[in-house]
Amino acid sequence: MSQSLVGIKAYSFALSVISLYKKLTATCNEYTLSKQLLRSGTAIGALCREAEHAQSRADFLNKMNIALKEANETEYWLMLLKDSDYISPADYDLLHPACNELISMLVTIVKTTKSSLNK
């Protein structure tokens, strides 16, 4: 079975988050905020991957809802890192659009799945 589009994009995004984490820890000696970003930014793809083999539609919805929460949290950490000058606006501008795209995709998946469960 092929991986979903959201899963592919989440994996690519996770790789970008890992790169930023490496940069923050190596150049800024910043470990607290960057660790939070690493955790939430990589969890999105892991949850999408789990959802591919969900036990039921309700389980799928639950995993995608959690992935959405993680994406939203990731956006928060990105904004905080930018506004506290740990990352440059250019670094932020590289990751933020991808994060927003994931949030939009996950919102659509959650809404569609909810409506199909309520029928």
N, C-alpha and C. Protein backbone atom coordinates (compact mmCIF):
# COMPACT_ATOMS: atom_id res chain seq x y z
N MET A 1 0.85 -1.18 0.00
CA MET A 1 0.00 0.00 0.00
C MET A 1 0.89 1.24 0.00
N SER A 2 0.57 2.20 -0.82
CA SER A 2 1.37 3.41 -0.89
C SER A 2 0.99 4.35 0.25
N GLN A 3 1.94 5.17 0.64
CA GLN A 3 1.72 6.12 1.71
C GLN A 3 0.86 7.28 1.20
N SER A 4 0.06 7.84 2.08
CA SER A 4 -0.82 8.95 1.71
C SER A 4 -0.02 10.22 1.45
N LEU A 5 -0.64 11.13 0.74
CA LEU A 5 0.00 12.41 0.43
C LEU A 5 0.34 13.16 1.72
N VAL A 6 -0.58 13.18 2.67
CA VAL A 6 -0.31 13.87 3.93
C VAL A 6 0.85 13.19 4.66
N GLY A 7 0.94 11.88 4.58
CA GLY A 7 2.05 11.16 5.20
C GLY A 7 3.38 11.50 4.56
N ILE A 8 3.39 11.61 3.25
CA ILE A 8 4.62 11.96 2.52
C ILE A 8 5.06 13.38 2.89
N LYS A 9 4.10 14.31 2.91
CA LYS A 9 4.43 15.69 3.26
C LYS A 9 4.87 15.81 4.72
N ALA A 10 4.25 15.03 5.60
CA ALA A 10 4.63 15.06 7.01
C ALA A 10 6.04 14.51 7.21
N TYR A 11 6.40 13.50 6.43
CA TYR A 11 7.75 12.93 6.52
C TYR A 11 8.79 13.95 6.06
N SER A 12 8.52 14.60 4.96
CA SER A 12 9.42 15.63 4.45
C SER A 12 9.55 16.78 5.45
N PHE A 13 8.43 17.17 6.04
CA PHE A 13 8.44 18.23 7.04
C PHE A 13 9.27 17.80 8.26
N ALA A 14 9.13 16.56 8.68
CA ALA A 14 9.90 16.05 9.83
C ALA A 14 11.39 16.14 9.56
N LEU A 15 11.80 15.82 8.34
CA LEU A 15 13.22 15.94 8.00
C LEU A 15 13.71 17.39 8.11
N SER A 16 12.87 18.33 7.70
CA SER A 16 13.22 19.75 7.82
C SER A 16 13.31 20.17 9.29
N VAL A 17 12.40 19.66 10.10
CA VAL A 17 12.41 19.97 11.53
C VAL A 17 13.68 19.40 12.18
N ILE A 18 14.06 18.20 11.80
CA ILE A 18 15.28 17.59 12.32
C ILE A 18 16.50 18.44 11.96
N SER A 19 16.55 18.92 10.74
CA SER A 19 17.67 19.79 10.31
C SER A 19 17.72 21.06 11.14
N LEU A 20 16.55 21.66 11.37
CA LEU A 20 16.51 22.88 12.18
C LEU A 20 16.93 22.59 13.61
N TYR A 21 16.50 21.46 14.15
CA TYR A 21 16.89 21.07 15.51
C TYR A 21 18.41 20.93 15.62
N LYS A 22 19.01 20.27 14.64
CA LYS A 22 20.47 20.12 14.64
C LYS A 22 21.16 21.48 14.62
N LYS A 23 20.64 22.37 13.80
CA LYS A 23 21.21 23.72 13.70
C LYS A 23 21.08 24.47 15.02
N LEU A 24 19.90 24.40 15.64
CA LEU A 24 19.68 25.12 16.89
C LEU A 24 20.56 24.61 18.02
N THR A 25 20.71 23.31 18.09
CA THR A 25 21.53 22.76 19.17
C THR A 25 23.01 22.99 18.93
N ALA A 26 23.44 22.99 17.68
CA ALA A 26 24.86 23.16 17.37
C ALA A 26 25.30 24.63 17.43
N THR A 27 24.48 25.52 16.90
CA THR A 27 24.92 26.92 16.80
C THR A 27 24.43 27.80 17.94
N CYS A 28 23.26 27.50 18.48
CA CYS A 28 22.68 28.37 19.52
C CYS A 28 22.72 27.73 20.91
N ASN A 29 23.11 26.48 20.98
CA ASN A 29 23.05 25.74 22.25
C ASN A 29 21.65 25.83 22.86
N GLU A 30 20.65 25.80 22.02
CA GLU A 30 19.26 25.88 22.47
C GLU A 30 18.69 24.46 22.46
N TYR A 31 18.27 23.98 23.62
CA TYR A 31 17.80 22.60 23.72
C TYR A 31 16.35 22.46 24.15
N THR A 32 15.81 23.41 24.85
CA THR A 32 14.47 23.26 25.41
C THR A 32 13.39 23.46 24.36
N LEU A 33 13.35 24.62 23.74
CA LEU A 33 12.32 24.90 22.73
C LEU A 33 12.51 24.01 21.50
N SER A 34 13.76 23.83 21.11
CA SER A 34 14.02 23.02 19.91
C SER A 34 13.63 21.56 20.13
N LYS A 35 13.76 21.07 21.34
CA LYS A 35 13.35 19.68 21.63
C LYS A 35 11.83 19.54 21.52
N GLN A 36 11.11 20.56 21.97
CA GLN A 36 9.65 20.56 21.84
C GLN A 36 9.25 20.56 20.37
N LEU A 37 9.95 21.39 19.59
CA LEU A 37 9.69 21.44 18.14
C LEU A 37 9.98 20.09 17.50
N LEU A 38 11.09 19.49 17.87
CA LEU A 38 11.46 18.19 17.32
C LEU A 38 10.40 17.13 17.65
N ARG A 39 9.94 17.12 18.89
CA ARG A 39 8.96 16.13 19.31
C ARG A 39 7.64 16.28 18.55
N SER A 40 7.11 17.50 18.54
CA SER A 40 5.81 17.69 17.89
C SER A 40 5.92 17.63 16.36
N GLY A 41 7.01 18.15 15.82
CA GLY A 41 7.16 18.18 14.37
C GLY A 41 7.36 16.81 13.74
N THR A 42 7.95 15.89 14.49
CA THR A 42 8.13 14.53 13.97
C THR A 42 6.94 13.63 14.30
N ALA A 43 6.17 14.00 15.31
CA ALA A 43 5.01 13.20 15.70
C ALA A 43 3.91 13.23 14.63
N ILE A 44 3.83 14.30 13.88
CA ILE A 44 2.78 14.43 12.86
C ILE A 44 2.84 13.25 11.89
N GLY A 45 4.01 13.02 11.33
CA GLY A 45 4.17 11.93 10.37
C GLY A 45 3.99 10.56 11.00
N ALA A 46 4.47 10.40 12.24
CA ALA A 46 4.32 9.12 12.92
C ALA A 46 2.84 8.78 13.13
N LEU A 47 2.06 9.77 13.47
CA LEU A 47 0.62 9.55 13.67
C LEU A 47 -0.09 9.27 12.35
N CYS A 48 0.31 9.97 11.30
CA CYS A 48 -0.27 9.69 9.97
C CYS A 48 0.06 8.25 9.56
N ARG A 49 1.27 7.82 9.85
CA ARG A 49 1.68 6.46 9.52
C ARG A 49 0.87 5.44 10.32
N GLU A 50 0.67 5.72 11.61
CA GLU A 50 -0.16 4.84 12.44
C GLU A 50 -1.58 4.75 11.90
N ALA A 51 -2.10 5.88 11.45
CA ALA A 51 -3.48 5.93 10.96
C ALA A 51 -3.69 5.06 9.73
N GLU A 52 -2.62 4.81 8.97
CA GLU A 52 -2.74 3.97 7.78
C GLU A 52 -3.21 2.55 8.13
N HIS A 53 -2.94 2.13 9.34
CA HIS A 53 -3.35 0.78 9.77
C HIS A 53 -4.25 0.86 11.00
N ALA A 54 -5.10 1.87 11.02
CA ALA A 54 -6.03 2.03 12.13
C ALA A 54 -6.98 0.84 12.21
N GLN A 55 -7.42 0.56 13.41
CA GLN A 55 -8.32 -0.59 13.62
C GLN A 55 -9.74 -0.30 13.18
N SER A 56 -10.10 0.96 13.11
CA SER A 56 -11.45 1.34 12.71
C SER A 56 -11.42 2.79 12.21
N ARG A 57 -12.55 3.24 11.68
CA ARG A 57 -12.65 4.64 11.23
C ARG A 57 -12.50 5.58 12.43
N ALA A 58 -13.06 5.16 13.58
CA ALA A 58 -12.94 5.98 14.78
C ALA A 58 -11.47 6.07 15.23
N ASP A 59 -10.74 4.97 15.13
CA ASP A 59 -9.32 4.96 15.48
C ASP A 59 -8.54 5.85 14.51
N PHE A 60 -8.87 5.76 13.22
CA PHE A 60 -8.25 6.62 12.21
C PHE A 60 -8.48 8.09 12.55
N LEU A 61 -9.73 8.42 12.86
CA LEU A 61 -10.08 9.80 13.20
C LEU A 61 -9.30 10.27 14.42
N ASN A 62 -9.20 9.43 15.42
CA ASN A 62 -8.47 9.78 16.63
C ASN A 62 -7.01 10.10 16.32
N LYS A 63 -6.37 9.25 15.53
CA LYS A 63 -4.96 9.46 15.20
C LYS A 63 -4.77 10.73 14.37
N MET A 64 -5.67 10.99 13.45
CA MET A 64 -5.57 12.20 12.64
C MET A 64 -5.86 13.45 13.47
N ASN A 65 -6.76 13.35 14.41
CA ASN A 65 -7.01 14.47 15.32
C ASN A 65 -5.76 14.80 16.14
N ILE A 66 -5.09 13.78 16.62
CA ILE A 66 -3.87 13.99 17.40
C ILE A 66 -2.78 14.56 16.50
N ALA A 67 -2.68 14.08 15.26
CA ALA A 67 -1.70 14.63 14.31
C ALA A 67 -1.98 16.12 14.09
N LEU A 68 -3.25 16.49 13.99
CA LEU A 68 -3.63 17.90 13.83
C LEU A 68 -3.18 18.72 15.04
N LYS A 69 -3.40 18.18 16.22
CA LYS A 69 -2.96 18.88 17.43
C LYS A 69 -1.44 19.07 17.44
N GLU A 70 -0.72 18.04 17.03
CA GLU A 70 0.74 18.13 16.98
C GLU A 70 1.19 19.16 15.96
N ALA A 71 0.51 19.24 14.82
CA ALA A 71 0.85 20.22 13.80
C ALA A 71 0.60 21.64 14.32
N ASN A 72 -0.50 21.80 15.01
CA ASN A 72 -0.82 23.10 15.60
C ASN A 72 0.22 23.49 16.65
N GLU A 73 0.62 22.53 17.48
CA GLU A 73 1.66 22.78 18.48
C GLU A 73 2.99 23.13 17.81
N THR A 74 3.30 22.45 16.73
CA THR A 74 4.54 22.73 16.00
C THR A 74 4.55 24.16 15.49
N GLU A 75 3.42 24.61 14.98
CA GLU A 75 3.33 25.99 14.51
C GLU A 75 3.62 26.95 15.67
N TYR A 76 3.12 26.65 16.84
CA TYR A 76 3.38 27.48 18.02
C TYR A 76 4.87 27.57 18.32
N TRP A 77 5.56 26.41 18.33
CA TRP A 77 7.00 26.40 18.64
C TRP A 77 7.79 27.16 17.57
N LEU A 78 7.38 27.02 16.32
CA LEU A 78 8.05 27.77 15.26
C LEU A 78 7.90 29.28 15.46
N MET A 79 6.70 29.71 15.79
CA MET A 79 6.46 31.13 16.02
C MET A 79 7.27 31.63 17.22
N LEU A 80 7.30 30.84 18.27
CA LEU A 80 8.04 31.22 19.48
C LEU A 80 9.54 31.31 19.21
N LEU A 81 10.06 30.35 18.47
CA LEU A 81 11.49 30.38 18.12
C LEU A 81 11.83 31.60 17.26
N LYS A 82 10.94 31.95 16.35
CA LYS A 82 11.16 33.12 15.50
C LYS A 82 11.08 34.41 16.32
N ASP A 83 10.03 34.52 17.11
CA ASP A 83 9.81 35.75 17.87
C ASP A 83 10.82 35.95 19.00
N SER A 84 11.49 34.89 19.41
CA SER A 84 12.54 35.00 20.43
C SER A 84 13.93 35.09 19.80
N ASP A 85 13.95 35.20 18.48
CA ASP A 85 15.19 35.36 17.71
C ASP A 85 16.13 34.16 17.75
N TYR A 86 15.60 32.97 18.03
CA TYR A 86 16.43 31.78 17.92
C TYR A 86 16.56 31.34 16.47
N ILE A 87 15.51 31.58 15.69
CA ILE A 87 15.61 31.29 14.26
C ILE A 87 15.34 32.58 13.48
N SER A 88 15.91 32.65 12.33
CA SER A 88 15.74 33.84 11.49
C SER A 88 14.37 33.80 10.81
N PRO A 89 13.90 34.96 10.38
CA PRO A 89 12.67 34.97 9.60
C PRO A 89 12.78 34.07 8.36
N ALA A 90 13.97 33.98 7.78
CA ALA A 90 14.15 33.13 6.60
C ALA A 90 13.96 31.65 6.94
N ASP A 91 14.51 31.20 8.08
CA ASP A 91 14.31 29.82 8.52
C ASP A 91 12.83 29.56 8.81
N TYR A 92 12.20 30.52 9.45
CA TYR A 92 10.77 30.42 9.73
C TYR A 92 9.97 30.30 8.44
N ASP A 93 10.31 31.15 7.47
CA ASP A 93 9.59 31.15 6.19
C ASP A 93 9.79 29.87 5.39
N LEU A 94 10.84 29.12 5.69
CA LEU A 94 11.04 27.82 5.03
C LEU A 94 10.11 26.75 5.60
N LEU A 95 9.87 26.80 6.90
CA LEU A 95 9.09 25.75 7.56
C LEU A 95 7.61 26.08 7.75
N HIS A 96 7.31 27.32 8.00
CA HIS A 96 5.93 27.68 8.34
C HIS A 96 4.91 27.35 7.25
N PRO A 97 5.18 27.63 5.98
CA PRO A 97 4.19 27.26 4.95
C PRO A 97 3.90 25.75 4.91
N ALA A 98 4.93 24.94 5.09
CA ALA A 98 4.72 23.49 5.08
C ALA A 98 3.89 23.06 6.29
N CYS A 99 4.13 23.70 7.42
CA CYS A 99 3.35 23.40 8.62
C CYS A 99 1.88 23.78 8.41
N ASN A 100 1.66 24.96 7.84
CA ASN A 100 0.28 25.40 7.55
C ASN A 100 -0.41 24.48 6.56
N GLU A 101 0.34 24.00 5.58
CA GLU A 101 -0.24 23.07 4.60
C GLU A 101 -0.67 21.78 5.30
N LEU A 102 0.17 21.28 6.19
CA LEU A 102 -0.19 20.07 6.94
C LEU A 102 -1.43 20.30 7.79
N ILE A 103 -1.49 21.44 8.45
CA ILE A 103 -2.67 21.76 9.26
C ILE A 103 -3.92 21.76 8.39
N SER A 104 -3.85 22.41 7.24
CA SER A 104 -5.01 22.47 6.34
C SER A 104 -5.43 21.08 5.86
N MET A 105 -4.45 20.28 5.49
CA MET A 105 -4.76 18.92 5.03
C MET A 105 -5.39 18.09 6.15
N LEU A 106 -4.85 18.21 7.34
CA LEU A 106 -5.37 17.43 8.47
C LEU A 106 -6.76 17.89 8.88
N VAL A 107 -7.01 19.19 8.82
CA VAL A 107 -8.36 19.70 9.12
C VAL A 107 -9.37 19.09 8.14
N THR A 108 -9.01 19.07 6.87
CA THR A 108 -9.89 18.50 5.85
C THR A 108 -10.13 17.01 6.10
N ILE A 109 -9.08 16.28 6.40
CA ILE A 109 -9.21 14.84 6.67
C ILE A 109 -10.11 14.60 7.88
N VAL A 110 -9.90 15.37 8.94
CA VAL A 110 -10.70 15.20 10.16
C VAL A 110 -12.16 15.52 9.88
N LYS A 111 -12.43 16.63 9.20
CA LYS A 111 -13.81 17.01 8.90
C LYS A 111 -14.50 15.97 8.02
N THR A 112 -13.81 15.52 6.99
CA THR A 112 -14.38 14.52 6.08
C THR A 112 -14.66 13.22 6.80
N THR A 113 -13.73 12.79 7.63
CA THR A 113 -13.89 11.54 8.37
C THR A 113 -15.04 11.65 9.38
N LYS A 114 -15.12 12.77 10.06
CA LYS A 114 -16.22 12.99 11.01
C LYS A 114 -17.56 12.92 10.32
N SER A 115 -17.65 13.58 9.17
CA SER A 115 -18.94 13.58 8.46
C SER A 115 -19.30 12.20 7.96
N SER A 116 -18.31 11.40 7.58
CA SER A 116 -18.63 10.04 7.11
C SER A 116 -19.01 9.13 8.28
N LEU A 117 -18.52 9.41 9.46
CA LEU A 117 -18.89 8.61 10.64
C LEU A 117 -20.29 8.95 11.13
N ASN A 118 -20.73 10.18 10.87
CA ASN A 118 -22.04 10.63 11.34
C ASN A 118 -23.18 10.27 10.40
N LYS A 119 -22.86 9.61 9.30
CA LYS A 119 -23.92 9.25 8.33
C LYS A 119 -24.56 7.95 8.72
